Amino acid sequence: MILGLRTAIYPAPDLAQAKAWYWKVFETTPYFDEPFYVGYTIGGFELGLIPDGVPGSAGAKALWGVQDIAKEITRLAGVGITTVGPVTDVGGGILVADLTDPFGNIIGLIENPHFSTAKVR
């Protein structure tokens, strides 16, 4: 049985630059910081940075939860994020948006009024 999201990994060939940038985005320092992997705890889940991958928009995408997607996009624009398209209502009051980090990775945001932290295991 799949238990839910645990880790989203983003390629970051320049870990020092990526750590500085992701600090601005998530406003937290890594709990694990080694030359081969940098790990952050974000809302009980893990964001991992690896130096040996190739950034890009192909492949899997994690959607990071936010309370106010428009406000968060405005904040992230100040730290160099680029929007890929408009905020989209996917039904049921759920809003999503795709952004790119300075390295070319897609970062998804989701404002989901139905998400319950009580269901996280």
PDB file of N, CA and C in Angstrom:
ATOM      1  N   MET A   1       0.836  -1.170   0.000  1.00  0.00           N
ATOM      2  CA  MET A   1       0.000   0.000   0.000  1.00  0.00           C
ATOM      3  C   MET A   1       0.890   1.245   0.000  1.00  0.00           C
ATOM      4  N   ILE A   2       0.567   2.178  -0.857  1.00  0.00           N
ATOM      5  CA  ILE A   2       1.290   3.453  -0.873  1.00  0.00           C
ATOM      6  C   ILE A   2       0.779   4.303   0.279  1.00  0.00           C
ATOM      7  N   LEU A   3       1.688   4.821   1.078  1.00  0.00           N
ATOM      8  CA  LEU A   3       1.319   5.559   2.277  1.00  0.00           C
ATOM      9  C   LEU A   3       1.249   7.070   2.083  1.00  0.00           C
ATOM     10  N   GLY A   4       1.689   7.578   0.941  1.00  0.00           N
ATOM     11  CA  GLY A   4       1.627   9.016   0.702  1.00  0.00           C
ATOM     12  C   GLY A   4       2.998   9.594   0.434  1.00  0.00           C
ATOM     13  N   LEU A   5       3.029  10.844   0.089  1.00  0.00           N
ATOM     14  CA  LEU A   5       4.274  11.532  -0.236  1.00  0.00           C
ATOM     15  C   LEU A   5       5.210  11.537   0.963  1.00  0.00           C
ATOM     16  N   ARG A   6       6.454  11.225   0.719  1.00  0.00           N
ATOM     17  CA  ARG A   6       7.472  11.303   1.767  1.00  0.00           C
ATOM     18  C   ARG A   6       8.581  12.256   1.378  1.00  0.00           C
ATOM     19  N   THR A   7       9.040  12.154   0.124  1.00  0.00           N
ATOM     20  CA  THR A   7      10.189  12.932  -0.311  1.00  0.00           C
ATOM     21  C   THR A   7      10.005  13.371  -1.756  1.00  0.00           C
ATOM     22  N   ALA A   8      10.346  14.612  -2.037  1.00  0.00           N
ATOM     23  CA  ALA A   8      10.455  15.110  -3.406  1.00  0.00           C
ATOM     24  C   ALA A   8      11.916  15.482  -3.602  1.00  0.00           C
ATOM     25  N   ILE A   9      12.519  14.969  -4.679  1.00  0.00           N
ATOM     26  CA  ILE A   9      13.940  15.217  -4.919  1.00  0.00           C
ATOM     27  C   ILE A   9      14.098  16.068  -6.168  1.00  0.00           C
ATOM     28  N   TYR A  10      14.911  17.122  -6.023  1.00  0.00           N
ATOM     29  CA  TYR A  10      15.194  18.022  -7.125  1.00  0.00           C
ATOM     30  C   TYR A  10      16.687  18.003  -7.434  1.00  0.00           C
ATOM     31  N   PRO A  11      17.045  17.844  -8.714  1.00  0.00           N
ATOM     32  CA  PRO A  11      18.452  17.954  -9.096  1.00  0.00           C
ATOM     33  C   PRO A  11      18.955  19.377  -8.875  1.00  0.00           C
ATOM     34  N   ALA A  12      20.148  19.509  -8.345  1.00  0.00           N
ATOM     35  CA  ALA A  12      20.751  20.811  -8.054  1.00  0.00           C
ATOM     36  C   ALA A  12      22.262  20.703  -8.221  1.00  0.00           C
ATOM     37  N   PRO A  13      22.759  20.838  -9.452  1.00  0.00           N
ATOM     38  CA  PRO A  13      24.198  20.672  -9.695  1.00  0.00           C
ATOM     39  C   PRO A  13      25.091  21.573  -8.836  1.00  0.00           C
ATOM     40  N   ASP A  14      24.615  22.758  -8.487  1.00  0.00           N
ATOM     41  CA  ASP A  14      25.358  23.653  -7.594  1.00  0.00           C
ATOM     42  C   ASP A  14      24.627  23.676  -6.253  1.00  0.00           C
ATOM     43  N   LEU A  15      25.020  22.772  -5.355  1.00  0.00           N
ATOM     44  CA  LEU A  15      24.314  22.652  -4.074  1.00  0.00           C
ATOM     45  C   LEU A  15      24.354  23.923  -3.244  1.00  0.00           C
ATOM     46  N   ALA A  16      25.460  24.622  -3.236  1.00  0.00           N
ATOM     47  CA  ALA A  16      25.558  25.857  -2.438  1.00  0.00           C
ATOM     48  C   ALA A  16      24.542  26.883  -2.925  1.00  0.00           C
ATOM     49  N   GLN A  17      24.463  27.071  -4.218  1.00  0.00           N
ATOM     50  CA  GLN A  17      23.497  28.015  -4.781  1.00  0.00           C
ATOM     51  C   GLN A  17      22.066  27.542  -4.509  1.00  0.00           C
ATOM     52  N   ALA A  18      21.829  26.253  -4.677  1.00  0.00           N
ATOM     53  CA  ALA A  18      20.493  25.714  -4.448  1.00  0.00           C
ATOM     54  C   ALA A  18      20.078  25.838  -2.985  1.00  0.00           C
ATOM     55  N   LYS A  19      20.998  25.553  -2.061  1.00  0.00           N
ATOM     56  CA  LYS A  19      20.666  25.686  -0.634  1.00  0.00           C
ATOM     57  C   LYS A  19      20.271  27.116  -0.293  1.00  0.00           C
ATOM     58  N   ALA A  20      21.002  28.078  -0.822  1.00  0.00           N
ATOM     59  CA  ALA A  20      20.684  29.487  -0.557  1.00  0.00           C
ATOM     60  C   ALA A  20      19.308  29.844  -1.117  1.00  0.00           C
ATOM     61  N   TRP A  21      19.027  29.359  -2.315  1.00  0.00           N
ATOM     62  CA  TRP A  21      17.753  29.682  -2.948  1.00  0.00           C
ATOM     63  C   TRP A  21      16.594  28.997  -2.235  1.00  0.00           C
ATOM     64  N   TYR A  22      16.736  27.700  -1.930  1.00  0.00           N
ATOM     65  CA  TYR A  22      15.649  26.979  -1.268  1.00  0.00           C
ATOM     66  C   TYR A  22      15.426  27.479   0.157  1.00  0.00           C
ATOM     67  N   TRP A  23      16.445  28.037   0.782  1.00  0.00           N
ATOM     68  CA  TRP A  23      16.239  28.658   2.096  1.00  0.00           C
ATOM     69  C   TRP A  23      15.257  29.818   1.955  1.00  0.00           C
ATOM     70  N   LYS A  24      15.421  30.617   0.901  1.00  0.00           N
ATOM     71  CA  LYS A  24      14.506  31.740   0.673  1.00  0.00           C
ATOM     72  C   LYS A  24      13.075  31.254   0.438  1.00  0.00           C
ATOM     73  N   VAL A  25      12.926  30.164  -0.270  1.00  0.00           N
ATOM     74  CA  VAL A  25      11.601  29.641  -0.606  1.00  0.00           C
ATOM     75  C   VAL A  25      10.916  29.028   0.612  1.00  0.00           C
ATOM     76  N   PHE A  26      11.591  28.116   1.295  1.00  0.00           N
ATOM     77  CA  PHE A  26      10.967  27.387   2.398  1.00  0.00           C
ATOM     78  C   PHE A  26      11.280  27.963   3.772  1.00  0.00           C
ATOM     79  N   GLU A  27      12.182  28.931   3.821  1.00  0.00           N
ATOM     80  CA  GLU A  27      12.524  29.639   5.058  1.00  0.00           C
ATOM     81  C   GLU A  27      12.926  28.674   6.179  1.00  0.00           C
ATOM     82  N   THR A  28      13.758  27.706   5.815  1.00  0.00           N
ATOM     83  CA  THR A  28      14.268  26.755   6.793  1.00  0.00           C
ATOM     84  C   THR A  28      15.629  26.245   6.333  1.00  0.00           C
ATOM     85  N   THR A  29      16.409  25.775   7.273  1.00  0.00           N
ATOM     86  CA  THR A  29      17.727  25.229   6.949  1.00  0.00           C
ATOM     87  C   THR A  29      17.629  23.708   6.821  1.00  0.00           C
ATOM     88  N   PRO A  30      18.563  23.093   6.126  1.00  0.00           N
ATOM     89  CA  PRO A  30      18.526  21.645   5.980  1.00  0.00           C
ATOM     90  C   PRO A  30      18.769  20.934   7.309  1.00  0.00           C
ATOM     91  N   TYR A  31      18.141  19.788   7.480  1.00  0.00           N
ATOM     92  CA  TYR A  31      18.432  18.958   8.647  1.00  0.00           C
ATOM     93  C   TYR A  31      19.562  17.979   8.322  1.00  0.00           C
ATOM     94  N   PHE A  32      19.797  17.773   7.007  1.00  0.00           N
ATOM     95  CA  PHE A  32      20.851  16.869   6.553  1.00  0.00           C
ATOM     96  C   PHE A  32      21.579  17.586   5.430  1.00  0.00           C
ATOM     97  N   ASP A  33      22.898  17.754   5.580  1.00  0.00           N
ATOM     98  CA  ASP A  33      23.640  18.564   4.619  1.00  0.00           C
ATOM     99  C   ASP A  33      24.990  17.915   4.320  1.00  0.00           C
ATOM    100  N   GLU A  34      25.027  17.159   3.241  1.00  0.00           N
ATOM    101  CA  GLU A  34      26.240  16.467   2.823  1.00  0.00           C
ATOM    102  C   GLU A  34      26.497  16.780   1.349  1.00  0.00           C
ATOM    103  N   PRO A  35      27.704  16.567   0.844  1.00  0.00           N
ATOM    104  CA  PRO A  35      28.006  16.864  -0.560  1.00  0.00           C
ATOM    105  C   PRO A  35      27.178  16.055  -1.551  1.00  0.00           C
ATOM    106  N   PHE A  36      26.614  14.933  -1.128  1.00  0.00           N
ATOM    107  CA  PHE A  36      25.848  14.069  -2.027  1.00  0.00           C
ATOM    108  C   PHE A  36      24.339  14.233  -1.890  1.00  0.00           C
ATOM    109  N   TYR A  37      23.880  14.935  -0.832  1.00  0.00           N
ATOM    110  CA  TYR A  37      22.439  15.079  -0.605  1.00  0.00           C
ATOM    111  C   TYR A  37      22.197  16.144   0.454  1.00  0.00           C
ATOM    112  N   VAL A  38      21.208  16.982   0.204  1.00  0.00           N
ATOM    113  CA  VAL A  38      20.780  17.985   1.181  1.00  0.00           C
ATOM    114  C   VAL A  38      19.293  17.754   1.413  1.00  0.00           C
ATOM    115  N   GLY A  39      18.896  17.564   2.671  1.00  0.00           N
ATOM    116  CA  GLY A  39      17.500  17.278   2.990  1.00  0.00           C
ATOM    117  C   GLY A  39      16.882  18.317   3.906  1.00  0.00           C
ATOM    118  N   TYR A  40      15.669  18.716   3.566  1.00  0.00           N
ATOM    119  CA  TYR A  40      14.887  19.667   4.361  1.00  0.00           C
ATOM    120  C   TYR A  40      13.614  18.971   4.832  1.00  0.00           C
ATOM    121  N   THR A  41      13.139  19.311   5.997  1.00  0.00           N
ATOM    122  CA  THR A  41      11.831  18.870   6.450  1.00  0.00           C
ATOM    123  C   THR A  41      10.861  20.012   6.192  1.00  0.00           C
ATOM    124  N   ILE A  42       9.873  19.743   5.353  1.00  0.00           N
ATOM    125  CA  ILE A  42       8.885  20.752   4.969  1.00  0.00           C
ATOM    126  C   ILE A  42       7.500  20.202   5.299  1.00  0.00           C
ATOM    127  N   GLY A  43       6.896  20.726   6.331  1.00  0.00           N
ATOM    128  CA  GLY A  43       5.551  20.293   6.693  1.00  0.00           C
ATOM    129  C   GLY A  43       5.433  18.807   6.976  1.00  0.00           C
ATOM    130  N   GLY A  44       6.483  18.201   7.510  1.00  0.00           N
ATOM    131  CA  GLY A  44       6.459  16.788   7.827  1.00  0.00           C
ATOM    132  C   GLY A  44       6.919  15.889   6.684  1.00  0.00           C
ATOM    133  N   PHE A  45       7.272  16.480   5.555  1.00  0.00           N
ATOM    134  CA  PHE A  45       7.752  15.722   4.402  1.00  0.00           C
ATOM    135  C   PHE A  45       9.169  16.164   4.090  1.00  0.00           C
ATOM    136  N   GLU A  46       9.788  15.529   3.123  1.00  0.00           N
ATOM    137  CA  GLU A  46      11.180  15.841   2.816  1.00  0.00           C
ATOM    138  C   GLU A  46      11.348  16.408   1.415  1.00  0.00           C
ATOM    139  N   LEU A  47      12.155  17.452   1.340  1.00  0.00           N
ATOM    140  CA  LEU A  47      12.639  17.988   0.074  1.00  0.00           C
ATOM    141  C   LEU A  47      14.111  17.655   0.020  1.00  0.00           C
ATOM    142  N   GLY A  48      14.521  16.941  -1.020  1.00  0.00           N
ATOM    143  CA  GLY A  48      15.912  16.558  -1.165  1.00  0.00           C
ATOM    144  C   GLY A  48      16.541  17.213  -2.377  1.00  0.00           C
ATOM    145  N   LEU A  49      17.777  17.653  -2.231  1.00  0.00           N
ATOM    146  CA  LEU A  49      18.558  18.201  -3.337  1.00  0.00           C
ATOM    147  C   LEU A  49      19.708  17.261  -3.618  1.00  0.00           C
ATOM    148  N   ILE A  50      19.891  16.914  -4.898  1.00  0.00           N
ATOM    149  CA  ILE A  50      20.991  16.030  -5.277  1.00  0.00           C
ATOM    150  C   ILE A  50      21.847  16.721  -6.334  1.00  0.00           C
ATOM    151  N   PRO A  51      23.166  16.618  -6.225  1.00  0.00           N
ATOM    152  CA  PRO A  51      24.040  17.298  -7.167  1.00  0.00           C
ATOM    153  C   PRO A  51      24.244  16.544  -8.482  1.00  0.00           C
ATOM    154  N   ASP A  52      23.879  15.275  -8.534  1.00  0.00           N
ATOM    155  CA  ASP A  52      24.213  14.483  -9.715  1.00  0.00           C
ATOM    156  C   ASP A  52      23.046  14.243 -10.665  1.00  0.00           C
ATOM    157  N   GLY A  53      22.011  15.031 -10.577  1.00  0.00           N
ATOM    158  CA  GLY A  53      20.895  14.929 -11.507  1.00  0.00           C
ATOM    159  C   GLY A  53      20.903  16.087 -12.484  1.00  0.00           C
ATOM    160  N   VAL A  54      20.044  15.990 -13.477  1.00  0.00           N
ATOM    161  CA  VAL A  54      19.912  17.049 -14.474  1.00  0.00           C
ATOM    162  C   VAL A  54      18.574  17.745 -14.258  1.00  0.00           C
ATOM    163  N   PRO A  55      18.593  19.046 -13.902  1.00  0.00           N
ATOM    164  CA  PRO A  55      17.339  19.763 -13.711  1.00  0.00           C
ATOM    165  C   PRO A  55      16.519  19.783 -14.998  1.00  0.00           C
ATOM    166  N   GLY A  56      15.223  19.851 -14.831  1.00  0.00           N
ATOM    167  CA  GLY A  56      14.359  19.933 -15.996  1.00  0.00           C
ATOM    168  C   GLY A  56      12.903  19.760 -15.634  1.00  0.00           C
ATOM    169  N   SER A  57      12.065  19.860 -16.632  1.00  0.00           N
ATOM    170  CA  SER A  57      10.630  19.804 -16.383  1.00  0.00           C
ATOM    171  C   SER A  57      10.024  18.441 -16.707  1.00  0.00           C
ATOM    172  N   ALA A  58      10.824  17.476 -17.142  1.00  0.00           N
ATOM    173  CA  ALA A  58      10.303  16.145 -17.449  1.00  0.00           C
ATOM    174  C   ALA A  58      10.276  15.285 -16.190  1.00  0.00           C
ATOM    175  N   GLY A  59       9.381  14.354 -16.135  1.00  0.00           N
ATOM    176  CA  GLY A  59       9.336  13.427 -15.009  1.00  0.00           C
ATOM    177  C   GLY A  59       8.290  13.802 -13.977  1.00  0.00           C
ATOM    178  N   ALA A  60       8.411  13.207 -12.819  1.00  0.00           N
ATOM    179  CA  ALA A  60       7.431  13.401 -11.757  1.00  0.00           C
ATOM    180  C   ALA A  60       7.486  14.826 -11.203  1.00  0.00           C
ATOM    181  N   LYS A  61       6.376  15.238 -10.624  1.00  0.00           N
ATOM    182  CA  LYS A  61       6.293  16.578 -10.042  1.00  0.00           C
ATOM    183  C   LYS A  61       5.590  16.472  -8.699  1.00  0.00           C
ATOM    184  N   ALA A  62       6.152  17.092  -7.687  1.00  0.00           N
ATOM    185  CA  ALA A  62       5.503  17.164  -6.376  1.00  0.00           C
ATOM    186  C   ALA A  62       4.700  18.453  -6.309  1.00  0.00           C
ATOM    187  N   LEU A  63       3.532  18.372  -5.694  1.00  0.00           N
ATOM    188  CA  LEU A  63       2.718  19.567  -5.460  1.00  0.00           C
ATOM    189  C   LEU A  63       2.815  19.905  -3.979  1.00  0.00           C
ATOM    190  N   TRP A  64       3.327  21.099  -3.691  1.00  0.00           N
ATOM    191  CA  TRP A  64       3.518  21.537  -2.315  1.00  0.00           C
ATOM    192  C   TRP A  64       2.309  22.353  -1.884  1.00  0.00           C
ATOM    193  N   GLY A  65       1.742  21.989  -0.739  1.00  0.00           N
ATOM    194  CA  GLY A  65       0.534  22.641  -0.247  1.00  0.00           C
ATOM    195  C   GLY A  65       0.777  24.048   0.247  1.00  0.00           C
ATOM    196  N   VAL A  66      -0.159  24.923  -0.073  1.00  0.00           N
ATOM    197  CA  VAL A  66      -0.141  26.314   0.396  1.00  0.00           C
ATOM    198  C   VAL A  66      -1.552  26.694   0.828  1.00  0.00           C
ATOM    199  N   GLN A  67      -1.653  27.700   1.680  1.00  0.00           N
ATOM    200  CA  GLN A  67      -2.970  28.161   2.113  1.00  0.00           C
ATOM    201  C   GLN A  67      -3.564  29.178   1.145  1.00  0.00           C
ATOM    202  N   ASP A  68      -2.719  30.002   0.534  1.00  0.00           N
ATOM    203  CA  ASP A  68      -3.183  31.046  -0.385  1.00  0.00           C
ATOM    204  C   ASP A  68      -2.234  31.057  -1.581  1.00  0.00           C
ATOM    205  N   ILE A  69      -2.628  30.435  -2.678  1.00  0.00           N
ATOM    206  CA  ILE A  69      -1.728  30.226  -3.806  1.00  0.00           C
ATOM    207  C   ILE A  69      -1.291  31.536  -4.454  1.00  0.00           C
ATOM    208  N   ALA A  70      -2.203  32.491  -4.571  1.00  0.00           N
ATOM    209  CA  ALA A  70      -1.836  33.780  -5.184  1.00  0.00           C
ATOM    210  C   ALA A  70      -0.795  34.509  -4.339  1.00  0.00           C
ATOM    211  N   LYS A  71      -0.999  34.508  -3.042  1.00  0.00           N
ATOM    212  CA  LYS A  71      -0.053  35.168  -2.135  1.00  0.00           C
ATOM    213  C   LYS A  71       1.315  34.482  -2.192  1.00  0.00           C
ATOM    214  N   GLU A  72       1.323  33.152  -2.255  1.00  0.00           N
ATOM    215  CA  GLU A  72       2.586  32.419  -2.278  1.00  0.00           C
ATOM    216  C   GLU A  72       3.337  32.648  -3.588  1.00  0.00           C
ATOM    217  N   ILE A  73       2.619  32.707  -4.698  1.00  0.00           N
ATOM    218  CA  ILE A  73       3.268  32.981  -5.984  1.00  0.00           C
ATOM    219  C   ILE A  73       3.902  34.368  -5.961  1.00  0.00           C
ATOM    220  N   THR A  74       3.223  35.330  -5.390  1.00  0.00           N
ATOM    221  CA  THR A  74       3.786  36.681  -5.278  1.00  0.00           C
ATOM    222  C   THR A  74       5.054  36.657  -4.431  1.00  0.00           C
ATOM    223  N   ARG A  75       5.037  35.943  -3.310  1.00  0.00           N
ATOM    224  CA  ARG A  75       6.221  35.856  -2.447  1.00  0.00           C
ATOM    225  C   ARG A  75       7.370  35.191  -3.192  1.00  0.00           C
ATOM    226  N   LEU A  76       7.090  34.097  -3.872  1.00  0.00           N
ATOM    227  CA  LEU A  76       8.136  33.349  -4.564  1.00  0.00           C
ATOM    228  C   LEU A  76       8.699  34.101  -5.766  1.00  0.00           C
ATOM    229  N   ALA A  77       7.904  34.946  -6.380  1.00  0.00           N
ATOM    230  CA  ALA A  77       8.411  35.760  -7.491  1.00  0.00           C
ATOM    231  C   ALA A  77       9.565  36.640  -7.009  1.00  0.00           C
ATOM    232  N   GLY A  78       9.531  37.019  -5.740  1.00  0.00           N
ATOM    233  CA  GLY A  78      10.589  37.835  -5.162  1.00  0.00           C
ATOM    234  C   GLY A  78      11.898  37.096  -4.947  1.00  0.00           C
ATOM    235  N   VAL A  79      11.876  35.766  -5.025  1.00  0.00           N
ATOM    236  CA  VAL A  79      13.114  34.996  -4.849  1.00  0.00           C
ATOM    237  C   VAL A  79      13.521  34.276  -6.128  1.00  0.00           C
ATOM    238  N   GLY A  80      12.931  34.657  -7.242  1.00  0.00           N
ATOM    239  CA  GLY A  80      13.405  34.154  -8.526  1.00  0.00           C
ATOM    240  C   GLY A  80      12.648  32.994  -9.123  1.00  0.00           C
ATOM    241  N   ILE A  81      11.472  32.701  -8.618  1.00  0.00           N
ATOM    242  CA  ILE A  81      10.687  31.631  -9.227  1.00  0.00           C
ATOM    243  C   ILE A  81      10.002  32.177 -10.474  1.00  0.00           C
ATOM    244  N   THR A  82       9.772  31.333 -11.436  1.00  0.00           N
ATOM    245  CA  THR A  82       9.103  31.741 -12.672  1.00  0.00           C
ATOM    246  C   THR A  82       7.826  30.926 -12.813  1.00  0.00           C
ATOM    247  N   THR A  83       6.725  31.587 -13.110  1.00  0.00           N
ATOM    248  CA  THR A  83       5.484  30.844 -13.314  1.00  0.00           C
ATOM    249  C   THR A  83       5.489  30.235 -14.709  1.00  0.00           C
ATOM    250  N   VAL A  84       4.972  29.018 -14.808  1.00  0.00           N
ATOM    251  CA  VAL A  84       4.912  28.309 -16.078  1.00  0.00           C
ATOM    252  C   VAL A  84       3.589  28.612 -16.780  1.00  0.00           C
ATOM    253  N   GLY A  85       2.564  28.819 -16.024  1.00  0.00           N
ATOM    254  CA  GLY A  85       1.239  29.107 -16.567  1.00  0.00           C
ATOM    255  C   GLY A  85       0.372  29.707 -15.479  1.00  0.00           C
ATOM    256  N   PRO A  86      -0.892  29.901 -15.783  1.00  0.00           N
ATOM    257  CA  PRO A  86      -1.787  30.506 -14.791  1.00  0.00           C
ATOM    258  C   PRO A  86      -2.170  29.531 -13.689  1.00  0.00           C
ATOM    259  N   VAL A  87      -2.675  30.073 -12.600  1.00  0.00           N
ATOM    260  CA  VAL A  87      -3.278  29.247 -11.561  1.00  0.00           C
ATOM    261  C   VAL A  87      -4.516  28.602 -12.193  1.00  0.00           C
ATOM    262  N   THR A  88      -4.668  27.298 -11.970  1.00  0.00           N
ATOM    263  CA  THR A  88      -5.772  26.568 -12.584  1.00  0.00           C
ATOM    264  C   THR A  88      -6.668  25.985 -11.505  1.00  0.00           C
ATOM    265  N   ASP A  89      -7.965  26.175 -11.660  1.00  0.00           N
ATOM    266  CA  ASP A  89      -8.948  25.550 -10.783  1.00  0.00           C
ATOM    267  C   ASP A  89      -9.229  24.173 -11.366  1.00  0.00           C
ATOM    268  N   VAL A  90      -8.860  23.132 -10.637  1.00  0.00           N
ATOM    269  CA  VAL A  90      -9.036  21.774 -11.133  1.00  0.00           C
ATOM    270  C   VAL A  90     -10.314  21.127 -10.596  1.00  0.00           C
ATOM    271  N   GLY A  91     -11.164  21.928  -9.966  1.00  0.00           N
ATOM    272  CA  GLY A  91     -12.437  21.450  -9.446  1.00  0.00           C
ATOM    273  C   GLY A  91     -12.457  21.384  -7.942  1.00  0.00           C
ATOM    274  N   GLY A  92     -13.634  21.530  -7.392  1.00  0.00           N
ATOM    275  CA  GLY A  92     -13.798  21.413  -5.946  1.00  0.00           C
ATOM    276  C   GLY A  92     -13.077  22.482  -5.146  1.00  0.00           C
ATOM    277  N   GLY A  93     -12.792  23.623  -5.775  1.00  0.00           N
ATOM    278  CA  GLY A  93     -12.083  24.691  -5.078  1.00  0.00           C
ATOM    279  C   GLY A  93     -10.589  24.446  -4.946  1.00  0.00           C
ATOM    280  N   ILE A  94     -10.065  23.452  -5.642  1.00  0.00           N
ATOM    281  CA  ILE A  94      -8.643  23.126  -5.590  1.00  0.00           C
ATOM    282  C   ILE A  94      -7.923  23.900  -6.686  1.00  0.00           C
ATOM    283  N   LEU A  95      -6.896  24.658  -6.297  1.00  0.00           N
ATOM    284  CA  LEU A  95      -6.121  25.469  -7.226  1.00  0.00           C
ATOM    285  C   LEU A  95      -4.702  24.932  -7.317  1.00  0.00           C
ATOM    286  N   VAL A  96      -4.161  24.878  -8.544  1.00  0.00           N
ATOM    287  CA  VAL A  96      -2.795  24.414  -8.744  1.00  0.00           C
ATOM    288  C   VAL A  96      -2.050  25.378  -9.659  1.00  0.00           C
ATOM    289  N   ALA A  97      -0.735  25.371  -9.532  1.00  0.00           N
ATOM    290  CA  ALA A  97       0.118  26.185 -10.400  1.00  0.00           C
ATOM    291  C   ALA A  97       1.465  25.506 -10.532  1.00  0.00           C
ATOM    292  N   ASP A  98       2.055  25.645 -11.714  1.00  0.00           N
ATOM    293  CA  ASP A  98       3.405  25.152 -11.954  1.00  0.00           C
ATOM    294  C   ASP A  98       4.364  26.328 -12.021  1.00  0.00           C
ATOM    295  N   LEU A  99       5.496  26.175 -11.356  1.00  0.00           N
ATOM    296  CA  LEU A  99       6.533  27.186 -11.311  1.00  0.00           C
ATOM    297  C   LEU A  99       7.846  26.502 -11.659  1.00  0.00           C
ATOM    298  N   THR A 100       8.859  27.276 -12.001  1.00  0.00           N
ATOM    299  CA  THR A 100      10.182  26.687 -12.183  1.00  0.00           C
ATOM    300  C   THR A 100      11.163  27.382 -11.261  1.00  0.00           C
ATOM    301  N   ASP A 101      12.063  26.575 -10.706  1.00  0.00           N
ATOM    302  CA  ASP A 101      13.138  27.137  -9.899  1.00  0.00           C
ATOM    303  C   ASP A 101      14.227  27.653 -10.846  1.00  0.00           C
ATOM    304  N   PRO A 102      15.228  28.339 -10.345  1.00  0.00           N
ATOM    305  CA  PRO A 102      16.277  28.881 -11.220  1.00  0.00           C
ATOM    306  C   PRO A 102      17.083  27.814 -11.957  1.00  0.00           C
ATOM    307  N   PHE A 103      16.897  26.554 -11.589  1.00  0.00           N
ATOM    308  CA  PHE A 103      17.676  25.473 -12.169  1.00  0.00           C
ATOM    309  C   PHE A 103      16.906  24.716 -13.246  1.00  0.00           C
ATOM    310  N   GLY A 104      15.626  25.054 -13.436  1.00  0.00           N
ATOM    311  CA  GLY A 104      14.806  24.430 -14.467  1.00  0.00           C
ATOM    312  C   GLY A 104      13.870  23.352 -13.972  1.00  0.00           C
ATOM    313  N   ASN A 105      13.841  23.084 -12.667  1.00  0.00           N
ATOM    314  CA  ASN A 105      12.930  22.080 -12.118  1.00  0.00           C
ATOM    315  C   ASN A 105      11.531  22.653 -11.957  1.00  0.00           C
ATOM    316  N   ILE A 106      10.523  21.834 -12.215  1.00  0.00           N
ATOM    317  CA  ILE A 106       9.140  22.235 -11.980  1.00  0.00           C
ATOM    318  C   ILE A 106       8.825  22.064 -10.497  1.00  0.00           C
ATOM    319  N   ILE A 107       8.221  23.088  -9.922  1.00  0.00           N
ATOM    320  CA  ILE A 107       7.722  23.024  -8.548  1.00  0.00           C
ATOM    321  C   ILE A 107       6.226  23.292  -8.631  1.00  0.00           C
ATOM    322  N   GLY A 108       5.441  22.327  -8.191  1.00  0.00           N
ATOM    323  CA  GLY A 108       3.994  22.498  -8.205  1.00  0.00           C
ATOM    324  C   GLY A 108       3.498  23.025  -6.875  1.00  0.00           C
ATOM    325  N   LEU A 109       2.492  23.890  -6.939  1.00  0.00           N
ATOM    326  CA  LEU A 109       1.817  24.368  -5.730  1.00  0.00           C
ATOM    327  C   LEU A 109       0.367  23.926  -5.802  1.00  0.00           C
ATOM    328  N   ILE A 110      -0.212  23.644  -4.645  1.00  0.00           N
ATOM    329  CA  ILE A 110      -1.620  23.281  -4.584  1.00  0.00           C
ATOM    330  C   ILE A 110      -2.263  23.928  -3.360  1.00  0.00           C
ATOM    331  N   GLU A 111      -3.386  24.568  -3.593  1.00  0.00           N
ATOM    332  CA  GLU A 111      -4.239  25.085  -2.522  1.00  0.00           C
ATOM    333  C   GLU A 111      -5.458  24.179  -2.501  1.00  0.00           C
ATOM    334  N   ASN A 112      -5.538  23.310  -1.504  1.00  0.00           N
ATOM    335  CA  ASN A 112      -6.576  22.292  -1.460  1.00  0.00           C
ATOM    336  C   ASN A 112      -7.345  22.405  -0.154  1.00  0.00           C
ATOM    337  N   PRO A 113      -8.544  22.977  -0.191  1.00  0.00           N
ATOM    338  CA  PRO A 113      -9.316  23.131   1.045  1.00  0.00           C
ATOM    339  C   PRO A 113      -9.778  21.811   1.648  1.00  0.00           C
ATOM    340  N   HIS A 114      -9.628  20.713   0.911  1.00  0.00           N
ATOM    341  CA  HIS A 114     -10.074  19.410   1.391  1.00  0.00           C
ATOM    342  C   HIS A 114      -8.949  18.587   2.035  1.00  0.00           C
ATOM    343  N   PHE A 115      -7.694  19.066   1.929  1.00  0.00           N
ATOM    344  CA  PHE A 115      -6.560  18.313   2.478  1.00  0.00           C
ATOM    345  C   PHE A 115      -6.644  18.302   3.985  1.00  0.00           C
ATOM    346  N   SER A 116      -6.423  17.133   4.571  1.00  0.00           N
ATOM    347  CA  SER A 116      -6.486  16.978   6.024  1.00  0.00           C
ATOM    348  C   SER A 116      -5.165  16.428   6.541  1.00  0.00           C
ATOM    349  N   THR A 117      -4.501  17.195   7.388  1.00  0.00           N
ATOM    350  CA  THR A 117      -3.250  16.707   7.980  1.00  0.00           C
ATOM    351  C   THR A 117      -3.507  15.514   8.897  1.00  0.00           C
ATOM    352  N   ALA A 118      -4.734  15.348   9.356  1.00  0.00           N
ATOM    353  CA  ALA A 118      -5.070  14.208  10.222  1.00  0.00           C
ATOM    354  C   ALA A 118      -4.919  12.889   9.480  1.00  0.00           C
ATOM    355  N   LYS A 119      -4.968  12.922   8.143  1.00  0.00           N
ATOM    356  CA  LYS A 119      -4.845  11.711   7.344  1.00  0.00           C
ATOM    357  C   LYS A 119      -3.396  11.381   7.003  1.00  0.00           C
ATOM    358  N   VAL A 120      -2.456  12.261   7.346  1.00  0.00           N
ATOM    359  CA  VAL A 120      -1.046  12.018   7.038  1.00  0.00           C
ATOM    360  C   VAL A 120      -0.521  10.976   8.007  1.00  0.00           C
ATOM    361  N   ARG A 121       0.187   9.933   7.451  1.00  0.00           N
ATOM    362  CA  ARG A 121       0.719   8.890   8.318  1.00  0.00           C
ATOM    363  C   ARG A 121       2.207   8.823   8.167  1.00  0.00           C
TER     364      ARG A 121
END
